[in-house]
Amino acid sequence: MSTNASSAGASGARPAAGPSRLRVWFDQHLHGLAFSLGRALRKPWATLLTVAVMGVALALPLGLSIVMDNLRHFAGSVQQSREINLFLEMDVDAAAAAKLAETLRSRADVAAVELRTPEQAIAGFRETSGLGEALDALGENPLPTLLVVTPADGDSAADARLAAALEALPEADLVQHDAVWRQRLDSWLGFGQRVVQVLSALLGLGALLVVGNTVRLDIQSRREEIGVLQLLGASDGFIRRPFLYLGVWYGLGAGLLALGLIAAAGWALREPLATLSASYGSQFSLKGLDALHSAMVLLGTVLLGWLGARAVTGHFLRQTRPTET
């Protein structure tokens, strides 16, 4: 028997090739993914509680962020507060007013210019005021030509500079620009955005701690098993992998729950918001998250769960590593 084996070796026969390292790596990750999901499903109530706490904690700053984004795009408040009303001198005719409007539209700091003639202004006033007979008694139209200038995207300082430039025009009679309201609006929106950032950081940290504590309890329940694996020479990566995937599953579930809560809240608010907007003559509608932003939210929650599990497993693996004698 030994002679045949030695002759076979001498003849150059090679043993059958084992699985590739890539295949082994893939199988290990697939096993860790399935094993972690099985452990999460074997404890449905504990898993549901962890996912629910994380989902609610993540839905709060996400919902506030969507509210702030909708406020920034609310045409009835934000856009109108930036408009600059330029009243022209009474001796400026329609042709000169149209030429001035074209000149202003070519400026880099101007987004749009709307020309309202005296005829249009008095017709609108007649319709809204109900004073048609009194206006007819005036005889001559007392209203000047109006240019409604919308500044380009920028801060309140840029809007103030544009208003000053409009006041210097020879055709200008009066410039109306509520710079104080614009500054207050920007301040409130900036404050709200900072509140969202602070809450996101705090609640995100809370979600990370929830994942870490849940994974820590799972590690404690498998302390003896981990010790045996370490004695057998298992690497930290092999031991850590199922716990990391457990954090990923928690993060994914929390992200899906958060998106579901946001969608439910949007559905509940859509009808009363549409009624309120219609009462002000606005077509504003609540904007939610599109597919790209939803995917980014899921990616962020998965990463958050992975980081929480990573931080805890590294600490506890060092504690459970057997000491060398």
Protein backbone atom coordinates (compact mmCIF):
# COMPACT_ATOMS: atom_id res chain seq x y z
CA MET A 1 0.00 0.00 0.00
CA SER A 2 2.78 2.40 0.94
CA THR A 3 4.73 1.38 -2.18
CA ASN A 4 1.78 2.23 -4.40
CA ALA A 5 1.31 5.56 -2.64
CA SER A 6 4.95 6.46 -3.00
CA SER A 7 4.99 5.43 -6.65
CA ALA A 8 1.89 7.52 -7.26
CA GLY A 9 3.59 10.50 -5.66
CA ALA A 10 6.70 9.93 -7.67
CA SER A 11 4.71 9.77 -10.88
CA GLY A 12 3.46 13.33 -10.26
CA ALA A 13 -0.19 12.60 -9.35
CA ARG A 14 -1.80 15.56 -7.47
CA PRO A 15 -4.64 15.46 -4.97
CA ALA A 16 -8.02 16.84 -6.01
CA ALA A 17 -8.14 20.64 -5.77
CA GLY A 18 -10.26 22.04 -2.94
CA PRO A 19 -12.69 24.94 -3.17
CA SER A 20 -11.19 28.30 -4.04
CA ARG A 21 -10.57 30.90 -1.35
CA LEU A 22 -13.21 33.14 -2.91
CA ARG A 23 -15.76 30.33 -2.71
CA VAL A 24 -14.88 29.69 0.93
CA TRP A 25 -15.18 33.42 1.72
CA PHE A 26 -18.54 33.58 -0.03
CA ASP A 27 -19.84 30.49 1.77
CA GLN A 28 -18.78 31.86 5.15
CA HIS A 29 -20.56 35.16 4.58
CA LEU A 30 -23.67 33.38 3.28
CA HIS A 31 -23.66 31.15 6.35
CA GLY A 32 -23.25 34.16 8.66
CA LEU A 33 -26.09 35.97 6.90
CA ALA A 34 -28.48 33.03 7.15
CA PHE A 35 -27.40 32.13 10.70
CA SER A 36 -27.93 35.68 11.99
CA LEU A 37 -31.35 35.90 10.36
CA GLY A 38 -32.31 32.57 11.94
CA ARG A 39 -31.30 33.77 15.40
CA ALA A 40 -33.30 36.97 14.94
CA LEU A 41 -36.39 35.04 13.85
CA ARG A 42 -36.09 32.59 16.74
CA LYS A 43 -36.64 35.53 19.11
CA PRO A 44 -39.45 37.39 17.31
CA TRP A 45 -40.62 39.56 20.20
CA ALA A 46 -37.15 40.69 21.20
CA THR A 47 -36.30 41.36 17.56
CA LEU A 48 -39.54 43.25 16.98
CA LEU A 49 -38.97 45.39 20.08
CA THR A 50 -35.43 46.29 18.99
CA VAL A 51 -36.54 47.12 15.44
CA ALA A 52 -39.52 49.14 16.72
CA VAL A 53 -37.39 51.27 19.06
CA MET A 54 -34.85 51.91 16.32
CA GLY A 55 -37.51 52.59 13.70
CA VAL A 56 -39.37 55.17 15.79
CA ALA A 57 -36.09 56.84 16.83
CA LEU A 58 -35.03 57.15 13.18
CA ALA A 59 -38.46 58.19 11.90
CA LEU A 60 -38.59 61.30 14.10
CA PRO A 61 -35.59 63.17 12.63
CA LEU A 62 -36.41 61.84 9.17
CA GLY A 63 -39.93 63.25 9.40
CA LEU A 64 -38.66 66.60 10.68
CA SER A 65 -36.19 66.74 7.81
CA ILE A 66 -39.01 66.17 5.30
CA VAL A 67 -41.09 68.90 6.98
CA MET A 68 -38.19 71.36 6.73
CA ASP A 69 -37.67 70.48 3.08
CA ASN A 70 -41.36 71.09 2.36
CA LEU A 71 -41.24 74.42 4.17
CA ARG A 72 -38.33 75.52 1.99
CA HIS A 73 -40.35 74.71 -1.13
CA PHE A 74 -43.60 76.24 0.08
CA ALA A 75 -44.24 78.87 -2.59
CA GLY A 76 -46.81 80.79 -0.58
CA SER A 77 -44.38 81.85 2.16
CA VAL A 78 -40.76 81.42 1.18
CA GLN A 79 -40.96 82.61 -2.40
CA GLN A 80 -43.24 85.60 -1.82
CA SER A 81 -41.09 86.82 1.07
CA ARG A 82 -38.18 87.23 -1.35
CA GLU A 83 -40.01 89.16 -4.04
CA ILE A 84 -39.04 92.81 -4.53
CA ASN A 85 -41.76 95.20 -5.74
CA LEU A 86 -40.37 97.93 -7.97
CA PHE A 87 -42.90 100.73 -8.61
CA LEU A 88 -41.92 102.87 -11.60
CA GLU A 89 -42.39 106.58 -12.12
CA MET A 90 -45.74 107.62 -13.54
CA ASP A 91 -44.16 108.97 -16.72
CA VAL A 92 -42.61 105.59 -17.64
CA ASP A 93 -44.65 104.18 -20.51
CA ALA A 94 -45.33 100.52 -21.30
CA ALA A 95 -42.51 100.20 -23.85
CA ALA A 96 -39.90 101.61 -21.44
CA ALA A 97 -41.19 99.36 -18.65
CA ALA A 98 -40.94 96.27 -20.88
CA LYS A 99 -37.40 97.22 -21.90
CA LEU A 100 -36.41 97.68 -18.25
CA ALA A 101 -37.89 94.29 -17.37
CA GLU A 102 -35.80 92.61 -20.10
CA THR A 103 -32.69 94.38 -18.80
CA LEU A 104 -33.33 93.15 -15.27
CA ARG A 105 -33.94 89.58 -16.44
CA SER A 106 -30.40 89.54 -17.85
CA ARG A 107 -28.87 90.15 -14.42
CA ALA A 108 -27.22 87.18 -12.74
CA ASP A 109 -28.84 87.97 -9.37
CA VAL A 110 -32.38 88.02 -10.80
CA ALA A 111 -34.38 84.84 -11.27
CA ALA A 112 -37.54 86.32 -12.81
CA VAL A 113 -39.28 89.62 -13.48
CA GLU A 114 -43.05 90.00 -13.81
CA LEU A 115 -44.45 93.13 -15.46
CA ARG A 116 -47.80 94.38 -14.18
CA THR A 117 -49.25 97.30 -16.10
CA PRO A 118 -51.52 99.90 -14.45
CA GLU A 119 -54.46 98.41 -16.33
CA GLN A 120 -53.76 94.94 -14.92
CA ALA A 121 -53.28 96.34 -11.43
CA ILE A 122 -56.54 98.28 -11.36
CA ALA A 123 -58.44 95.33 -12.87
CA GLY A 124 -57.18 93.07 -10.12
CA PHE A 125 -57.96 95.67 -7.47
CA ARG A 126 -61.47 96.13 -8.90
CA GLU A 127 -62.08 92.38 -8.75
CA THR A 128 -60.86 91.88 -5.20
CA SER A 129 -62.04 95.08 -3.54
CA GLY A 130 -65.58 95.43 -4.91
CA LEU A 131 -65.08 99.19 -5.34
CA GLY A 132 -65.74 99.31 -9.06
CA GLU A 133 -68.01 102.37 -8.98
CA ALA A 134 -65.54 104.34 -6.85
CA LEU A 135 -62.70 103.48 -9.23
CA ASP A 136 -64.80 104.59 -12.19
CA ALA A 137 -65.36 107.91 -10.48
CA LEU A 138 -61.63 108.54 -10.36
CA GLY A 139 -61.44 108.83 -14.09
CA GLU A 140 -57.68 108.57 -14.49
CA ASN A 141 -55.84 105.41 -13.40
CA PRO A 142 -53.71 106.39 -10.36
CA LEU A 143 -51.70 103.15 -10.20
CA PRO A 144 -48.10 103.01 -11.53
CA THR A 145 -46.40 100.26 -13.48
CA LEU A 146 -45.09 97.51 -11.21
CA LEU A 147 -42.16 95.14 -11.71
CA VAL A 148 -42.16 92.11 -9.39
CA VAL A 149 -38.51 91.03 -9.20
CA THR A 150 -37.65 87.57 -7.85
CA PRO A 151 -34.01 87.33 -6.71
CA ALA A 152 -31.89 84.37 -7.70
CA ASP A 153 -31.02 81.78 -5.08
CA GLY A 154 -28.92 83.41 -2.41
CA ASP A 155 -28.94 84.79 1.10
CA SER A 156 -30.68 87.85 2.52
CA ALA A 157 -27.57 89.99 2.04
CA ALA A 158 -27.64 89.36 -1.72
CA ASP A 159 -31.34 90.25 -1.82
CA ALA A 160 -30.63 93.49 0.04
CA ARG A 161 -27.91 94.41 -2.46
CA LEU A 162 -30.33 93.78 -5.33
CA ALA A 163 -32.97 95.98 -3.68
CA ALA A 164 -30.41 98.77 -3.29
CA ALA A 165 -29.47 98.47 -6.96
CA LEU A 166 -33.14 98.73 -7.97
CA GLU A 167 -33.60 101.84 -5.85
CA ALA A 168 -30.76 103.50 -7.77
CA LEU A 169 -32.51 103.09 -11.12
CA PRO A 170 -33.72 106.39 -12.63
CA GLU A 171 -37.10 104.82 -13.47
CA ALA A 172 -37.67 103.69 -9.87
CA ASP A 173 -40.19 105.53 -7.72
CA LEU A 174 -40.55 103.11 -4.80
CA VAL A 175 -38.97 99.78 -3.88
CA GLN A 176 -40.72 97.48 -1.40
CA HIS A 177 -38.58 94.76 0.11
CA ASP A 178 -39.22 93.36 3.56
CA ALA A 179 -35.62 92.50 4.35
CA VAL A 180 -36.35 92.06 8.05
CA TRP A 181 -38.98 89.39 7.35
CA ARG A 182 -36.63 87.65 4.97
CA GLN A 183 -33.87 87.59 7.56
CA ARG A 184 -36.24 86.27 10.20
CA LEU A 185 -37.50 83.59 7.85
CA ASP A 186 -33.96 82.49 7.01
CA SER A 187 -33.11 82.46 10.72
CA TRP A 188 -36.10 80.28 11.57
CA LEU A 189 -35.38 77.87 8.74
CA GLY A 190 -31.71 77.69 9.73
CA PHE A 191 -32.66 77.09 13.35
CA GLY A 192 -35.08 74.36 12.34
CA GLN A 193 -32.43 72.70 10.21
CA ARG A 194 -29.98 72.75 13.12
CA VAL A 195 -32.62 71.22 15.42
CA VAL A 196 -33.10 68.42 12.89
CA GLN A 197 -29.34 67.80 12.78
CA VAL A 198 -29.03 67.69 16.57
CA LEU A 199 -32.01 65.35 16.94
CA SER A 200 -30.67 63.15 14.14
CA ALA A 201 -27.34 62.82 15.92
CA LEU A 202 -28.88 62.10 19.32
CA LEU A 203 -31.51 59.65 18.11
CA GLY A 204 -29.02 58.02 15.74
CA LEU A 205 -26.70 57.49 18.71
CA GLY A 206 -29.62 56.05 20.64
CA ALA A 207 -30.39 53.61 17.82
CA LEU A 208 -26.72 52.61 17.68
CA LEU A 209 -26.73 51.93 21.44
CA VAL A 210 -29.90 49.84 21.10
CA VAL A 211 -28.23 47.64 18.50
CA GLY A 212 -25.06 47.42 20.58
CA ASN A 213 -26.93 46.39 23.71
CA THR A 214 -28.97 43.77 21.86
CA VAL A 215 -25.87 42.28 20.25
CA ARG A 216 -24.11 42.38 23.64
CA LEU A 217 -26.87 40.26 25.18
CA ASP A 218 -26.59 37.81 22.30
CA ILE A 219 -22.83 37.57 22.81
CA GLN A 220 -23.28 36.98 26.55
CA SER A 221 -25.69 34.11 25.86
CA ARG A 222 -23.07 32.50 23.59
CA ARG A 223 -20.05 33.21 25.77
CA GLU A 224 -19.07 29.57 26.25
CA GLU A 225 -19.54 28.79 22.56
CA ILE A 226 -17.32 31.73 21.60
CA GLY A 227 -14.69 30.59 24.07
CA VAL A 228 -14.62 27.10 22.51
CA LEU A 229 -14.28 28.57 19.02
CA GLN A 230 -11.37 30.72 20.18
CA LEU A 231 -9.65 27.69 21.71
CA LEU A 232 -10.05 25.90 18.39
CA GLY A 233 -8.26 28.75 16.64
CA ALA A 234 -11.22 30.55 15.04
CA SER A 235 -10.37 34.07 13.94
CA ASP A 236 -12.09 37.15 15.29
CA GLY A 237 -13.56 37.80 11.87
CA PHE A 238 -15.18 34.36 11.78
CA ILE A 239 -16.69 34.83 15.24
CA ARG A 240 -17.72 38.44 14.68
CA ARG A 241 -19.38 37.90 11.29
CA PRO A 242 -22.80 36.55 12.47
CA PHE A 243 -23.13 39.38 14.97
CA LEU A 244 -22.33 41.98 12.33
CA TYR A 245 -25.02 40.56 10.07
CA LEU A 246 -27.40 40.55 13.02
CA GLY A 247 -26.81 44.30 13.34
CA VAL A 248 -27.40 44.65 9.59
CA TRP A 249 -30.74 42.89 9.88
CA TYR A 250 -31.74 45.16 12.76
CA GLY A 251 -30.76 48.23 10.78
CA LEU A 252 -32.61 47.08 7.66
CA GLY A 253 -35.77 46.32 9.63
CA ALA A 254 -35.60 49.67 11.42
CA GLY A 255 -35.12 51.50 8.12
CA LEU A 256 -38.11 49.81 6.54
CA LEU A 257 -40.23 50.57 9.60
CA ALA A 258 -39.13 54.22 9.60
CA LEU A 259 -40.02 54.60 5.91
CA GLY A 260 -43.37 52.95 6.57
CA LEU A 261 -44.12 55.33 9.44
CA ILE A 262 -43.18 58.34 7.30
CA ALA A 263 -45.38 57.10 4.45
CA ALA A 264 -48.31 56.56 6.85
CA ALA A 265 -47.88 60.02 8.35
CA GLY A 266 -47.75 61.59 4.88
CA TRP A 267 -50.91 59.75 3.86
CA ALA A 268 -52.70 60.93 7.01
CA LEU A 269 -51.66 64.57 6.52
CA ARG A 270 -52.14 64.82 2.76
CA GLU A 271 -55.90 65.47 2.69
CA PRO A 272 -56.09 68.14 5.46
CA LEU A 273 -53.00 69.86 4.04
CA ALA A 274 -54.57 69.95 0.58
CA THR A 275 -57.72 71.51 2.07
CA LEU A 276 -55.64 74.13 3.92
CA SER A 277 -53.61 74.97 0.81
CA ALA A 278 -56.75 75.28 -1.31
CA SER A 279 -58.23 77.76 1.18
CA TYR A 280 -55.22 80.02 0.50
CA GLY A 281 -55.42 79.50 -3.26
CA SER A 282 -52.24 77.43 -3.37
CA GLN A 283 -51.58 74.14 -5.13
CA PHE A 284 -48.96 73.07 -2.58
CA SER A 285 -48.76 69.33 -1.93
CA LEU A 286 -46.68 67.43 0.59
CA LYS A 287 -43.52 65.93 -0.90
CA GLY A 288 -42.16 62.71 0.53
CA LEU A 289 -39.06 60.66 -0.19
CA ASP A 290 -38.36 59.42 -3.69
CA ALA A 291 -36.77 56.05 -4.50
CA LEU A 292 -33.20 57.37 -4.36
CA HIS A 293 -33.58 59.02 -0.95
CA SER A 294 -35.41 55.98 0.40
CA ALA A 295 -32.52 53.78 -0.69
CA MET A 296 -30.08 56.18 0.98
CA VAL A 297 -32.09 55.96 4.21
CA LEU A 298 -31.98 52.16 4.12
CA LEU A 299 -28.24 52.23 3.43
CA GLY A 300 -27.72 54.59 6.37
CA THR A 301 -29.76 52.46 8.79
CA VAL A 302 -27.94 49.29 7.69
CA LEU A 303 -24.62 51.04 8.24
CA LEU A 304 -25.80 52.24 11.65
CA GLY A 305 -26.72 48.70 12.69
CA TRP A 306 -23.40 47.36 11.42
CA LEU A 307 -21.44 50.01 13.33
CA GLY A 308 -23.30 49.27 16.57
CA ALA A 309 -22.62 45.55 16.27
CA ARG A 310 -19.00 46.16 15.25
CA ALA A 311 -18.27 48.35 18.27
CA VAL A 312 -19.72 45.87 20.76
CA THR A 313 -18.29 42.68 19.29
CA GLY A 314 -14.77 44.08 19.20
CA HIS A 315 -14.93 44.91 22.90
CA PHE A 316 -16.45 41.62 24.02
CA LEU A 317 -14.25 39.45 21.83
CA ARG A 318 -11.21 40.90 23.58
CA GLN A 319 -12.79 40.05 26.93
CA THR A 320 -13.66 36.47 25.98
CA ARG A 321 -10.29 35.69 24.38
CA PRO A 322 -8.63 32.98 26.49
CA THR A 323 -5.35 33.93 28.15
CA GLU A 324 -2.26 32.06 27.14
CA THR A 325 -0.57 29.98 29.87
